[in-house]
C-alpha cells in the first residue's frame, strides 16, 4: 500500500487537490542519483520527501517504522517501473485537475460541505 502515494497525485484534505507529494517524490528520485552511499540516500529520503510531506501523507505514514529504508528500497528495486511512471506525469497531473473540478461540482451540490481534519485520516 505504500506504493499508492506516489501514484496518487492528490489528497482531498479541505476539498482541495494537492500535488506537492507527487512533486517531492520526483524531486527525491532525481536527487538520489547524486550519491551511491545508502546513509546519504536515506537522509535525502527523509529531507526531501518524508519531512516535507503533506498533512494527508503524514497521516498515512504515521506509526510506520523505517520509512526511509522502505522508500529507498522501493525506488532502487525497479528503476524501469519508476521511469515508466514518470513518463505518465502529464496524465496524472490532468487527473488531478479533473478531480479538482469534480470537487468544485460536489461543493456546489453540497454547500454545507466542511473540510476534513487530521483525525479523519486515522
PDB file of N, CA and C in Angstrom:
ATOM      1  N   UNK A   1       0.812  -1.189   0.000  1.00  0.00           N
ATOM      2  CA  UNK A   1       0.000   0.000   0.000  1.00  0.00           C
ATOM      3  C   UNK A   1       0.856   1.254   0.000  1.00  0.00           C
ATOM      4  N   UNK A   2       2.067   1.162   0.464  1.00  0.00           N
ATOM      5  CA  UNK A   2       2.943   2.330   0.497  1.00  0.00           C
ATOM      6  C   UNK A   2       3.216   2.848  -0.919  1.00  0.00           C
ATOM      7  N   UNK A   3       3.083   2.014  -1.931  1.00  0.00           N
ATOM      8  CA  UNK A   3       3.288   2.439  -3.312  1.00  0.00           C
ATOM      9  C   UNK A   3       2.207   3.377  -3.816  1.00  0.00           C
ATOM     10  N   UNK A   4       1.071   3.391  -3.202  1.00  0.00           N
ATOM     11  CA  UNK A   4      -0.040   4.185  -3.717  1.00  0.00           C
ATOM     12  C   UNK A   4       0.205   5.682  -3.674  1.00  0.00           C
ATOM     13  N   UNK A   5       0.941   6.184  -2.698  1.00  0.00           N
ATOM     14  CA  UNK A   5       1.049   7.627  -2.582  1.00  0.00           C
ATOM     15  C   UNK A   5       1.792   8.286  -3.718  1.00  0.00           C
ATOM     16  N   UNK A   6       2.869   7.744  -4.236  1.00  0.00           N
ATOM     17  CA  UNK A   6       3.439   8.422  -5.393  1.00  0.00           C
ATOM     18  C   UNK A   6       2.527   8.315  -6.609  1.00  0.00           C
ATOM     19  N   UNK A   7       1.664   7.332  -6.625  1.00  0.00           N
ATOM     20  CA  UNK A   7       0.770   7.159  -7.756  1.00  0.00           C
ATOM     21  C   UNK A   7      -0.448   8.066  -7.675  1.00  0.00           C
ATOM     22  N   UNK A   8      -0.796   8.470  -6.489  1.00  0.00           N
ATOM     23  CA  UNK A   8      -1.977   9.308  -6.296  1.00  0.00           C
ATOM     24  C   UNK A   8      -1.510  10.738  -6.110  1.00  0.00           C
ATOM     25  N   UNK A   9      -1.753  11.608  -7.084  1.00  0.00           N
ATOM     26  CA  UNK A   9      -1.191  12.945  -7.011  1.00  0.00           C
ATOM     27  C   UNK A   9      -1.980  13.901  -6.154  1.00  0.00           C
ATOM     28  N   UNK A  10      -3.091  13.464  -5.618  1.00  0.00           N
ATOM     29  CA  UNK A  10      -3.956  14.419  -4.937  1.00  0.00           C
ATOM     30  C   UNK A  10      -4.438  13.865  -3.613  1.00  0.00           C
ATOM     31  N   UNK A  11      -4.532  14.745  -2.666  1.00  0.00           N
ATOM     32  CA  UNK A  11      -5.166  14.433  -1.390  1.00  0.00           C
ATOM     33  C   UNK A  11      -6.291  15.433  -1.225  1.00  0.00           C
ATOM     34  N   UNK A  12      -7.440  14.979  -0.826  1.00  0.00           N
ATOM     35  CA  UNK A  12      -8.622  15.836  -0.803  1.00  0.00           C
ATOM     36  C   UNK A  12      -8.869  16.460   0.555  1.00  0.00           C
ATOM     37  N   UNK A  13      -7.832  16.677   1.309  1.00  0.00           N
ATOM     38  CA  UNK A  13      -7.996  17.353   2.583  1.00  0.00           C
ATOM     39  C   UNK A  13      -8.473  18.775   2.319  1.00  0.00           C
ATOM     40  N   UNK A  14      -9.514  19.184   3.011  1.00  0.00           N
ATOM     41  CA  UNK A  14     -10.115  20.514   2.858  1.00  0.00           C
ATOM     42  C   UNK A  14     -10.655  20.702   1.437  1.00  0.00           C
ATOM     43  N   UNK A  15     -11.055  19.615   0.805  1.00  0.00           N
ATOM     44  CA  UNK A  15     -11.639  19.643  -0.519  1.00  0.00           C
ATOM     45  C   UNK A  15     -10.778  20.412  -1.513  1.00  0.00           C
ATOM     46  N   UNK A  16      -9.498  20.205  -1.481  1.00  0.00           N
ATOM     47  CA  UNK A  16      -8.568  20.799  -2.429  1.00  0.00           C
ATOM     48  C   UNK A  16      -7.597  19.712  -2.852  1.00  0.00           C
ATOM     49  N   UNK A  17      -7.222  19.736  -4.102  1.00  0.00           N
ATOM     50  CA  UNK A  17      -6.287  18.758  -4.629  1.00  0.00           C
ATOM     51  C   UNK A  17      -4.873  19.293  -4.451  1.00  0.00           C
ATOM     52  N   UNK A  18      -4.044  18.522  -3.791  1.00  0.00           N
ATOM     53  CA  UNK A  18      -2.647  18.897  -3.596  1.00  0.00           C
ATOM     54  C   UNK A  18      -1.763  17.947  -4.388  1.00  0.00           C
ATOM     55  N   UNK A  19      -0.766  18.493  -5.067  1.00  0.00           N
ATOM     56  CA  UNK A  19       0.155  17.655  -5.812  1.00  0.00           C
ATOM     57  C   UNK A  19       1.586  17.776  -5.296  1.00  0.00           C
ATOM     58  N   UNK A  20       1.751  18.364  -4.125  1.00  0.00           N
ATOM     59  CA  UNK A  20       3.095  18.574  -3.594  1.00  0.00           C
ATOM     60  C   UNK A  20       3.812  17.257  -3.303  1.00  0.00           C
ATOM     61  N   UNK A  21       3.106  16.246  -2.800  1.00  0.00           N
ATOM     62  CA  UNK A  21       3.760  14.966  -2.505  1.00  0.00           C
ATOM     63  C   UNK A  21       4.308  14.330  -3.778  1.00  0.00           C
ATOM     64  N   UNK A  22       3.546  14.419  -4.823  1.00  0.00           N
ATOM     65  CA  UNK A  22       3.949  13.903  -6.134  1.00  0.00           C
ATOM     66  C   UNK A  22       5.215  14.620  -6.606  1.00  0.00           C
ATOM     67  N   UNK A  23       5.226  15.934  -6.493  1.00  0.00           N
ATOM     68  CA  UNK A  23       6.387  16.724  -6.914  1.00  0.00           C
ATOM     69  C   UNK A  23       7.604  16.426  -6.043  1.00  0.00           C
ATOM     70  N   UNK A  24       7.390  16.309  -4.730  1.00  0.00           N
ATOM     71  CA  UNK A  24       8.502  15.980  -3.836  1.00  0.00           C
ATOM     72  C   UNK A  24       9.074  14.599  -4.146  1.00  0.00           C
ATOM     73  N   UNK A  25       8.207  13.662  -4.479  1.00  0.00           N
ATOM     74  CA  UNK A  25       8.653  12.316  -4.792  1.00  0.00           C
ATOM     75  C   UNK A  25       9.594  12.306  -5.998  1.00  0.00           C
ATOM     76  N   UNK A  26       9.214  13.007  -7.066  1.00  0.00           N
ATOM     77  CA  UNK A  26      10.057  13.010  -8.270  1.00  0.00           C
ATOM     78  C   UNK A  26      11.334  13.804  -8.040  1.00  0.00           C
ATOM     79  N   UNK A  27      11.279  14.857  -7.257  1.00  0.00           N
ATOM     80  CA  UNK A  27      12.485  15.585  -6.906  1.00  0.00           C
ATOM     81  C   UNK A  27      13.437  14.663  -6.151  1.00  0.00           C
ATOM     82  N   UNK A  28      12.899  13.914  -5.200  1.00  0.00           N
ATOM     83  CA  UNK A  28      13.705  12.951  -4.461  1.00  0.00           C
ATOM     84  C   UNK A  28      14.346  11.944  -5.404  1.00  0.00           C
ATOM     85  N   UNK A  29      13.554  11.374  -6.268  1.00  0.00           N
ATOM     86  CA  UNK A  29      14.082  10.345  -7.176  1.00  0.00           C
ATOM     87  C   UNK A  29      15.208  10.896  -8.038  1.00  0.00           C
ATOM     88  N   UNK A  30      15.014  12.099  -8.535  1.00  0.00           N
ATOM     89  CA  UNK A  30      16.055  12.710  -9.370  1.00  0.00           C
ATOM     90  C   UNK A  30      17.335  12.966  -8.572  1.00  0.00           C
ATOM     91  N   UNK A  31      17.209  13.328  -7.324  1.00  0.00           N
ATOM     92  CA  UNK A  31      18.369  13.671  -6.493  1.00  0.00           C
ATOM     93  C   UNK A  31      19.096  12.442  -5.950  1.00  0.00           C
ATOM     94  N   UNK A  32      18.425  11.308  -5.866  1.00  0.00           N
ATOM     95  CA  UNK A  32      19.058  10.108  -5.312  1.00  0.00           C
ATOM     96  C   UNK A  32      20.281   9.663  -6.098  1.00  0.00           C
ATOM     97  N   UNK A  33      20.301   9.945  -7.379  1.00  0.00           N
ATOM     98  CA  UNK A  33      21.429   9.502  -8.194  1.00  0.00           C
ATOM     99  C   UNK A  33      22.703  10.289  -7.905  1.00  0.00           C
ATOM    100  N   UNK A  34      22.612  11.347  -7.095  1.00  0.00           N
ATOM    101  CA  UNK A  34      23.779  12.171  -6.778  1.00  0.00           C
ATOM    102  C   UNK A  34      24.776  11.434  -5.878  1.00  0.00           C
ATOM    103  N   UNK A  35      24.328  10.380  -5.201  1.00  0.00           N
ATOM    104  CA  UNK A  35      25.216   9.629  -4.315  1.00  0.00           C
ATOM    105  C   UNK A  35      24.847   8.148  -4.348  1.00  0.00           C
ATOM    106  N   UNK A  36      25.840   7.322  -4.113  1.00  0.00           N
ATOM    107  CA  UNK A  36      25.583   5.877  -4.018  1.00  0.00           C
ATOM    108  C   UNK A  36      25.628   5.406  -2.569  1.00  0.00           C
ATOM    109  N   UNK A  37      25.935   6.312  -1.653  1.00  0.00           N
ATOM    110  CA  UNK A  37      26.008   5.956  -0.233  1.00  0.00           C
ATOM    111  C   UNK A  37      24.605   5.861   0.354  1.00  0.00           C
ATOM    112  N   UNK A  38      24.282   4.691   0.867  1.00  0.00           N
ATOM    113  CA  UNK A  38      22.945   4.440   1.401  1.00  0.00           C
ATOM    114  C   UNK A  38      22.577   5.417   2.522  1.00  0.00           C
ATOM    115  N   UNK A  39      23.508   5.725   3.404  1.00  0.00           N
ATOM    116  CA  UNK A  39      23.204   6.646   4.513  1.00  0.00           C
ATOM    117  C   UNK A  39      22.807   8.020   3.979  1.00  0.00           C
ATOM    118  N   UNK A  40      23.514   8.505   2.970  1.00  0.00           N
ATOM    119  CA  UNK A  40      23.181   9.809   2.378  1.00  0.00           C
ATOM    120  C   UNK A  40      21.858   9.740   1.628  1.00  0.00           C
ATOM    121  N   UNK A  41      21.602   8.608   0.972  1.00  0.00           N
ATOM    122  CA  UNK A  41      20.334   8.457   0.263  1.00  0.00           C
ATOM    123  C   UNK A  41      19.165   8.445   1.242  1.00  0.00           C
ATOM    124  N   UNK A  42      19.330   7.768   2.372  1.00  0.00           N
ATOM    125  CA  UNK A  42      18.266   7.757   3.389  1.00  0.00           C
ATOM    126  C   UNK A  42      18.030   9.154   3.938  1.00  0.00           C
ATOM    127  N   UNK A  43      19.090   9.920   4.100  1.00  0.00           N
ATOM    128  CA  UNK A  43      18.962  11.306   4.544  1.00  0.00           C
ATOM    129  C   UNK A  43      18.155  12.111   3.518  1.00  0.00           C
ATOM    130  N   UNK A  44      18.416  11.893   2.237  1.00  0.00           N
ATOM    131  CA  UNK A  44      17.653  12.573   1.188  1.00  0.00           C
ATOM    132  C   UNK A  44      16.177  12.183   1.229  1.00  0.00           C
ATOM    133  N   UNK A  45      15.900  10.900   1.430  1.00  0.00           N
ATOM    134  CA  UNK A  45      14.510  10.451   1.516  1.00  0.00           C
ATOM    135  C   UNK A  45      13.797  11.197   2.638  1.00  0.00           C
ATOM    136  N   UNK A  46      14.457  11.278   3.777  1.00  0.00           N
ATOM    137  CA  UNK A  46      13.851  11.981   4.913  1.00  0.00           C
ATOM    138  C   UNK A  46      13.680  13.464   4.621  1.00  0.00           C
ATOM    139  N   UNK A  47      14.723  14.109   4.157  1.00  0.00           N
ATOM    140  CA  UNK A  47      14.707  15.563   3.971  1.00  0.00           C
ATOM    141  C   UNK A  47      13.822  16.015   2.811  1.00  0.00           C
ATOM    142  N   UNK A  48      13.848  15.280   1.711  1.00  0.00           N
ATOM    143  CA  UNK A  48      13.150  15.729   0.503  1.00  0.00           C
ATOM    144  C   UNK A  48      11.743  15.164   0.343  1.00  0.00           C
ATOM    145  N   UNK A  49      11.395  14.157   1.144  1.00  0.00           N
ATOM    146  CA  UNK A  49      10.070  13.550   0.971  1.00  0.00           C
ATOM    147  C   UNK A  49       9.298  13.424   2.285  1.00  0.00           C
ATOM    148  N   UNK A  50       9.870  12.754   3.253  1.00  0.00           N
ATOM    149  CA  UNK A  50       9.126  12.463   4.484  1.00  0.00           C
ATOM    150  C   UNK A  50       8.861  13.729   5.298  1.00  0.00           C
ATOM    151  N   UNK A  51       9.884  14.538   5.532  1.00  0.00           N
ATOM    152  CA  UNK A  51       9.733  15.731   6.373  1.00  0.00           C
ATOM    153  C   UNK A  51       8.817  16.774   5.730  1.00  0.00           C
ATOM    154  N   UNK A  52       8.807  16.857   4.419  1.00  0.00           N
ATOM    155  CA  UNK A  52       8.001  17.884   3.732  1.00  0.00           C
ATOM    156  C   UNK A  52       6.649  17.348   3.260  1.00  0.00           C
ATOM    157  N   UNK A  53       6.288  16.169   3.708  1.00  0.00           N
ATOM    158  CA  UNK A  53       5.037  15.542   3.277  1.00  0.00           C
ATOM    159  C   UNK A  53       3.826  16.383   3.673  1.00  0.00           C
ATOM    160  N   UNK A  54       2.806  16.303   2.850  1.00  0.00           N
ATOM    161  CA  UNK A  54       1.553  16.983   3.156  1.00  0.00           C
ATOM    162  C   UNK A  54       0.940  16.383   4.422  1.00  0.00           C
ATOM    163  N   UNK A  55      -0.018  17.062   4.964  1.00  0.00           N
ATOM    164  CA  UNK A  55      -0.696  16.579   6.171  1.00  0.00           C
ATOM    165  C   UNK A  55      -1.312  15.196   5.930  1.00  0.00           C
ATOM    166  N   UNK A  56      -1.896  15.002   4.757  1.00  0.00           N
ATOM    167  CA  UNK A  56      -2.511  13.715   4.447  1.00  0.00           C
ATOM    168  C   UNK A  56      -1.497  12.593   4.356  1.00  0.00           C
ATOM    169  N   UNK A  57      -0.366  12.846   3.703  1.00  0.00           N
ATOM    170  CA  UNK A  57       0.672  11.821   3.601  1.00  0.00           C
ATOM    171  C   UNK A  57       1.297  11.558   4.963  1.00  0.00           C
ATOM    172  N   UNK A  58       1.469  12.603   5.763  1.00  0.00           N
ATOM    173  CA  UNK A  58       1.980  12.400   7.122  1.00  0.00           C
ATOM    174  C   UNK A  58       1.048  11.484   7.914  1.00  0.00           C
ATOM    175  N   UNK A  59      -0.249  11.706   7.783  1.00  0.00           N
ATOM    176  CA  UNK A  59      -1.212  10.856   8.480  1.00  0.00           C
ATOM    177  C   UNK A  59      -1.121   9.418   7.983  1.00  0.00           C
ATOM    178  N   UNK A  60      -0.944   9.237   6.690  1.00  0.00           N
ATOM    179  CA  UNK A  60      -0.805   7.900   6.116  1.00  0.00           C
ATOM    180  C   UNK A  60       0.452   7.204   6.650  1.00  0.00           C
ATOM    181  N   UNK A  61       1.523   7.965   6.802  1.00  0.00           N
ATOM    182  CA  UNK A  61       2.792   7.385   7.212  1.00  0.00           C
ATOM    183  C   UNK A  61       2.919   7.243   8.725  1.00  0.00           C
ATOM    184  N   UNK A  62       1.992   7.824   9.466  1.00  0.00           N
ATOM    185  CA  UNK A  62       2.052   7.777  10.928  1.00  0.00           C
ATOM    186  C   UNK A  62       2.122   6.325  11.407  1.00  0.00           C
ATOM    187  N   UNK A  63       2.926   6.091  12.406  1.00  0.00           N
ATOM    188  CA  UNK A  63       3.066   4.776  13.042  1.00  0.00           C
ATOM    189  C   UNK A  63       3.679   3.719  12.120  1.00  0.00           C
ATOM    190  N   UNK A  64       4.406   4.155  11.131  1.00  0.00           N
ATOM    191  CA  UNK A  64       5.110   3.212  10.264  1.00  0.00           C
ATOM    192  C   UNK A  64       6.611   3.414  10.486  1.00  0.00           C
ATOM    193  N   UNK A  65       7.292   2.353  10.819  1.00  0.00           N
ATOM    194  CA  UNK A  65       8.718   2.433  11.126  1.00  0.00           C
ATOM    195  C   UNK A  65       9.566   2.215   9.881  1.00  0.00           C
ATOM    196  N   UNK A  66      10.740   2.824   9.880  1.00  0.00           N
ATOM    197  CA  UNK A  66      11.716   2.580   8.820  1.00  0.00           C
ATOM    198  C   UNK A  66      11.290   3.043   7.442  1.00  0.00           C
ATOM    199  N   UNK A  67      10.514   4.105   7.398  1.00  0.00           N
ATOM    200  CA  UNK A  67      10.021   4.549   6.098  1.00  0.00           C
ATOM    201  C   UNK A  67      11.135   4.970   5.137  1.00  0.00           C
ATOM    202  N   UNK A  68      12.198   5.557   5.657  1.00  0.00           N
ATOM    203  CA  UNK A  68      13.280   5.963   4.766  1.00  0.00           C
ATOM    204  C   UNK A  68      13.884   4.738   4.076  1.00  0.00           C
ATOM    205  N   UNK A  69      14.078   3.662   4.826  1.00  0.00           N
ATOM    206  CA  UNK A  69      14.608   2.422   4.224  1.00  0.00           C
ATOM    207  C   UNK A  69      13.623   1.820   3.227  1.00  0.00           C
ATOM    208  N   UNK A  70      12.332   1.844   3.587  1.00  0.00           N
ATOM    209  CA  UNK A  70      11.319   1.268   2.702  1.00  0.00           C
ATOM    210  C   UNK A  70      11.219   2.037   1.392  1.00  0.00           C
ATOM    211  N   UNK A  71      11.154   3.379   1.484  1.00  0.00           N
ATOM    212  CA  UNK A  71      11.072   4.183   0.259  1.00  0.00           C
ATOM    213  C   UNK A  71      12.318   3.974  -0.601  1.00  0.00           C
ATOM    214  N   UNK A  72      13.481   3.981   0.025  1.00  0.00           N
ATOM    215  CA  UNK A  72      14.720   3.790  -0.714  1.00  0.00           C
ATOM    216  C   UNK A  72      14.736   2.425  -1.391  1.00  0.00           C
ATOM    217  N   UNK A  73      14.306   1.403  -0.677  1.00  0.00           N
ATOM    218  CA  UNK A  73      14.242   0.063  -1.263  1.00  0.00           C
ATOM    219  C   UNK A  73      13.304   0.003  -2.453  1.00  0.00           C
ATOM    220  N   UNK A  74      12.154   0.650  -2.342  1.00  0.00           N
ATOM    221  CA  UNK A  74      11.204   0.668  -3.451  1.00  0.00           C
ATOM    222  C   UNK A  74      11.768   1.395  -4.667  1.00  0.00           C
ATOM    223  N   UNK A  75      12.428   2.490  -4.429  1.00  0.00           N
ATOM    224  CA  UNK A  75      12.989   3.262  -5.537  1.00  0.00           C
ATOM    225  C   UNK A  75      14.118   2.517  -6.238  1.00  0.00           C
ATOM    226  N   UNK A  76      14.890   1.755  -5.477  1.00  0.00           N
ATOM    227  CA  UNK A  76      16.007   1.008  -6.064  1.00  0.00           C
ATOM    228  C   UNK A  76      15.568  -0.306  -6.698  1.00  0.00           C
ATOM    229  N   UNK A  77      14.428  -0.833  -6.280  1.00  0.00           N
ATOM    230  CA  UNK A  77      14.047  -2.188  -6.673  1.00  0.00           C
ATOM    231  C   UNK A  77      13.716  -2.330  -8.152  1.00  0.00           C
ATOM    232  N   UNK A  78      13.117  -1.342  -8.753  1.00  0.00           N
ATOM    233  CA  UNK A  78      12.708  -1.462 -10.156  1.00  0.00           C
ATOM    234  C   UNK A  78      12.744  -0.094 -10.842  1.00  0.00           C
ATOM    235  N   UNK A  79      13.936   0.391 -11.178  1.00  0.00           N
ATOM    236  CA  UNK A  79      14.051   1.721 -11.783  1.00  0.00           C
ATOM    237  C   UNK A  79      13.234   1.871 -13.063  1.00  0.00           C
ATOM    238  N   UNK A  80      13.100   0.810 -13.827  1.00  0.00           N
ATOM    239  CA  UNK A  80      12.318   0.874 -15.067  1.00  0.00           C
ATOM    240  C   UNK A  80      10.856   1.196 -14.807  1.00  0.00           C
ATOM    241  N   UNK A  81      10.318   0.658 -13.729  1.00  0.00           N
ATOM    242  CA  UNK A  81       8.935   0.955 -13.363  1.00  0.00           C
ATOM    243  C   UNK A  81       8.773   2.435 -13.086  1.00  0.00           C
ATOM    244  N   UNK A  82       9.688   2.995 -12.273  1.00  0.00           N
ATOM    245  CA  UNK A  82       9.593   4.415 -11.925  1.00  0.00           C
ATOM    246  C   UNK A  82       9.791   5.297 -13.153  1.00  0.00           C
ATOM    247  N   UNK A  83      10.685   4.880 -14.058  1.00  0.00           N
ATOM    248  CA  UNK A  83      10.871   5.634 -15.308  1.00  0.00           C
ATOM    249  C   UNK A  83       9.575   5.671 -16.100  1.00  0.00           C
ATOM    250  N   UNK A  84       8.910   4.522 -16.223  1.00  0.00           N
ATOM    251  CA  UNK A  84       7.662   4.470 -16.993  1.00  0.00           C
ATOM    252  C   UNK A  84       6.570   5.289 -16.326  1.00  0.00           C
ATOM    253  N   UNK A  85       6.537   5.261 -15.016  1.00  0.00           N
ATOM    254  CA  UNK A  85       5.545   6.045 -14.285  1.00  0.00           C
ATOM    255  C   UNK A  85       5.802   7.543 -14.440  1.00  0.00           C
ATOM    256  N   UNK A  86       7.064   7.922 -14.401  1.00  0.00           N
ATOM    257  CA  UNK A  86       7.386   9.340 -14.534  1.00  0.00           C
ATOM    258  C   UNK A  86       7.002   9.866 -15.922  1.00  0.00           C
ATOM    259  N   UNK A  87       7.067   9.020 -16.918  1.00  0.00           N
ATOM    260  CA  UNK A  87       6.656   9.441 -18.270  1.00  0.00           C
ATOM    261  C   UNK A  87       5.163   9.738 -18.342  1.00  0.00           C
ATOM    262  N   UNK A  88       4.399   9.251 -17.380  1.00  0.00           N
ATOM    263  CA  UNK A  88       2.947   9.462 -17.359  1.00  0.00           C
ATOM    264  C   UNK A  88       2.533  10.656 -16.499  1.00  0.00           C
ATOM    265  N   UNK A  89       3.481  11.479 -16.134  1.00  0.00           N
ATOM    266  CA  UNK A  89       3.176  12.617 -15.255  1.00  0.00           C
ATOM    267  C   UNK A  89       2.068  13.500 -15.796  1.00  0.00           C
ATOM    268  N   UNK A  90       2.053  13.760 -17.090  1.00  0.00           N
ATOM    269  CA  UNK A  90       1.022  14.654 -17.636  1.00  0.00           C
ATOM    270  C   UNK A  90      -0.364  14.051 -17.469  1.00  0.00           C
ATOM    271  N   UNK A  91      -0.473  12.747 -17.599  1.00  0.00           N
ATOM    272  CA  UNK A  91      -1.760  12.076 -17.412  1.00  0.00           C
ATOM    273  C   UNK A  91      -2.221  12.227 -15.963  1.00  0.00           C
ATOM    274  N   UNK A  92      -1.298  12.025 -15.044  1.00  0.00           N
ATOM    275  CA  UNK A  92      -1.645  12.113 -13.631  1.00  0.00           C
ATOM    276  C   UNK A  92      -1.942  13.562 -13.236  1.00  0.00           C
ATOM    277  N   UNK A  93      -1.177  14.501 -13.765  1.00  0.00           N
ATOM    278  CA  UNK A  93      -1.459  15.915 -13.492  1.00  0.00           C
ATOM    279  C   UNK A  93      -2.851  16.280 -13.994  1.00  0.00           C
ATOM    280  N   UNK A  94      -3.206  15.786 -15.164  1.00  0.00           N
ATOM    281  CA  UNK A  94      -4.526  16.040 -15.734  1.00  0.00           C
ATOM    282  C   UNK A  94      -5.620  15.436 -14.848  1.00  0.00           C
ATOM    283  N   UNK A  95      -5.365  14.250 -14.315  1.00  0.00           N
ATOM    284  CA  UNK A  95      -6.339  13.615 -13.426  1.00  0.00           C
ATOM    285  C   UNK A  95      -6.541  14.466 -12.177  1.00  0.00           C
ATOM    286  N   UNK A  96      -5.475  15.073 -11.674  1.00  0.00           N
ATOM    287  CA  UNK A  96      -5.591  15.957 -10.522  1.00  0.00           C
ATOM    288  C   UNK A  96      -6.456  17.166 -10.833  1.00  0.00           C
ATOM    289  N   UNK A  97      -6.297  17.719 -12.017  1.00  0.00           N
ATOM    290  CA  UNK A  97      -7.122  18.858 -12.430  1.00  0.00           C
ATOM    291  C   UNK A  97      -8.588  18.448 -12.559  1.00  0.00           C
ATOM    292  N   UNK A  98      -8.826  17.267 -13.104  1.00  0.00           N
ATOM    293  CA  UNK A  98     -10.195  16.776 -13.231  1.00  0.00           C
ATOM    294  C   UNK A  98     -10.814  16.530 -11.856  1.00  0.00           C
ATOM    295  N   UNK A  99     -10.031  16.009 -10.941  1.00  0.00           N
ATOM    296  CA  UNK A  99     -10.515  15.781  -9.589  1.00  0.00           C
ATOM    297  C   UNK A  99     -10.867  17.109  -8.922  1.00  0.00           C
ATOM    298  N   UNK A 100     -10.042  18.121  -9.108  1.00  0.00           N
ATOM    299  CA  UNK A 100     -10.318  19.445  -8.556  1.00  0.00           C
ATOM    300  C   UNK A 100     -11.655  19.967  -9.093  1.00  0.00           C
ATOM    301  N   UNK A 101     -11.919  19.782 -10.376  1.00  0.00           N
ATOM    302  CA  UNK A 101     -13.189  20.218 -10.969  1.00  0.00           C
ATOM    303  C   UNK A 101     -14.367  19.457 -10.356  1.00  0.00           C
ATOM    304  N   UNK A 102     -14.202  18.162 -10.143  1.00  0.00           N
ATOM    305  CA  UNK A 102     -15.264  17.357  -9.546  1.00  0.00           C
ATOM    306  C   UNK A 102     -15.533  17.782  -8.100  1.00  0.00           C
ATOM    307  N   UNK A 103     -14.489  18.109  -7.379  1.00  0.00           N
ATOM    308  CA  UNK A 103     -14.675  18.588  -6.006  1.00  0.00           C
ATOM    309  C   UNK A 103     -15.443  19.906  -6.025  1.00  0.00           C
ATOM    310  N   UNK A 104     -15.126  20.791  -6.983  1.00  0.00           N
ATOM    311  CA  UNK A 104     -15.865  22.044  -7.118  1.00  0.00           C
ATOM    312  C   UNK A 104     -17.334  21.797  -7.390  1.00  0.00           C
ATOM    313  N   UNK A 105     -17.616  20.841  -8.250  1.00  0.00           N
ATOM    314  CA  UNK A 105     -19.014  20.486  -8.562  1.00  0.00           C
ATOM    315  C   UNK A 105     -19.705  19.933  -7.315  1.00  0.00           C
ATOM    316  N   UNK A 106     -19.027  19.071  -6.595  1.00  0.00           N
ATOM    317  CA  UNK A 106     -19.578  18.497  -5.370  1.00  0.00           C
ATOM    318  C   UNK A 106     -19.869  19.605  -4.358  1.00  0.00           C
ATOM    319  N   UNK A 107     -18.955  20.582  -4.275  1.00  0.00           N
ATOM    320  CA  UNK A 107     -19.126  21.707  -3.354  1.00  0.00           C
ATOM    321  C   UNK A 107     -20.371  22.520  -3.718  1.00  0.00           C
ATOM    322  N   UNK A 108     -20.665  22.644  -5.030  1.00  0.00           N
ATOM    323  CA  UNK A 108     -21.877  23.349  -5.468  1.00  0.00           C
ATOM    324  C   UNK A 108     -23.131  22.583  -5.040  1.00  0.00           C
ATOM    325  N   UNK A 109     -23.082  21.269  -5.151  1.00  0.00           N
ATOM    326  CA  UNK A 109     -24.224  20.440  -4.775  1.00  0.00           C
ATOM    327  C   UNK A 109     -24.443  20.412  -3.263  1.00  0.00           C
ATOM    328  N   UNK A 110     -23.370  20.494  -2.514  1.00  0.00           N
ATOM    329  CA  UNK A 110     -23.425  20.399  -1.052  1.00  0.00           C
ATOM    330  C   UNK A 110     -22.699  21.593  -0.443  1.00  0.00           C
ATOM    331  N   UNK A 111     -23.341  22.754  -0.429  1.00  0.00           N
ATOM    332  CA  UNK A 111     -22.667  23.960   0.063  1.00  0.00           C
ATOM    333  C   UNK A 111     -22.273  23.886   1.539  1.00  0.00           C
ATOM    334  N   UNK A 112     -22.870  22.991   2.297  1.00  0.00           N
ATOM    335  CA  UNK A 112     -22.519  22.853   3.716  1.00  0.00           C
ATOM    336  C   UNK A 112     -21.301  21.946   3.926  1.00  0.00           C
ATOM    337  N   UNK A 113     -20.680  21.508   2.854  1.00  0.00           N
ATOM    338  CA  UNK A 113     -19.518  20.636   2.927  1.00  0.00           C
ATOM    339  C   UNK A 113     -18.421  21.285   3.772  1.00  0.00           C
ATOM    340  N   UNK A 114     -17.913  20.539   4.716  1.00  0.00           N
ATOM    341  CA  UNK A 114     -16.883  21.045   5.612  1.00  0.00           C
ATOM    342  C   UNK A 114     -15.576  20.300   5.348  1.00  0.00           C
ATOM    343  N   UNK A 115     -14.452  20.994   5.501  1.00  0.00           N
ATOM    344  CA  UNK A 115     -13.156  20.333   5.323  1.00  0.00           C
ATOM    345  C   UNK A 115     -12.964  19.232   6.349  1.00  0.00           C
ATOM    346  N   UNK A 116     -12.197  18.226   5.974  1.00  0.00           N
ATOM    347  CA  UNK A 116     -11.821  17.170   6.902  1.00  0.00           C
ATOM    348  C   UNK A 116     -10.793  17.703   7.883  1.00  0.00           C
ATOM    349  N   UNK A 117     -10.492  16.915   8.887  1.00  0.00           N
ATOM    350  CA  UNK A 117      -9.444  17.301   9.822  1.00  0.00           C
ATOM    351  C   UNK A 117      -8.510  16.126  10.010  1.00  0.00           C
ATOM    352  N   UNK A 118      -7.452  16.358  10.721  1.00  0.00           N
ATOM    353  CA  UNK A 118      -6.414  15.324  10.884  1.00  0.00           C
ATOM    354  C   UNK A 118      -6.988  14.029  11.447  1.00  0.00           C
ATOM    355  N   UNK A 119      -7.930  14.118  12.334  1.00  0.00           N
ATOM    356  CA  UNK A 119      -8.457  12.899  12.945  1.00  0.00           C
ATOM    357  C   UNK A 119      -9.224  12.072  11.940  1.00  0.00           C
ATOM    358  N   UNK A 120      -9.679  12.672  10.857  1.00  0.00           N
ATOM    359  CA  UNK A 120     -10.424  11.898   9.869  1.00  0.00           C
ATOM    360  C   UNK A 120      -9.513  11.018   9.038  1.00  0.00           C
ATOM    361  N   UNK A 121      -8.175  11.144   9.179  1.00  0.00           N
ATOM    362  CA  UNK A 121      -7.242  10.318   8.437  1.00  0.00           C
ATOM    363  C   UNK A 121      -6.876   9.050   9.180  1.00  0.00           C
ATOM    364  N   UNK A 122      -7.250   8.895  10.372  1.00  0.00           N
ATOM    365  CA  UNK A 122      -6.925   7.651  11.018  1.00  0.00           C
ATOM    366  C   UNK A 122      -6.478   7.763  12.395  1.00  0.00           C
TER     367      UNK A 122
END
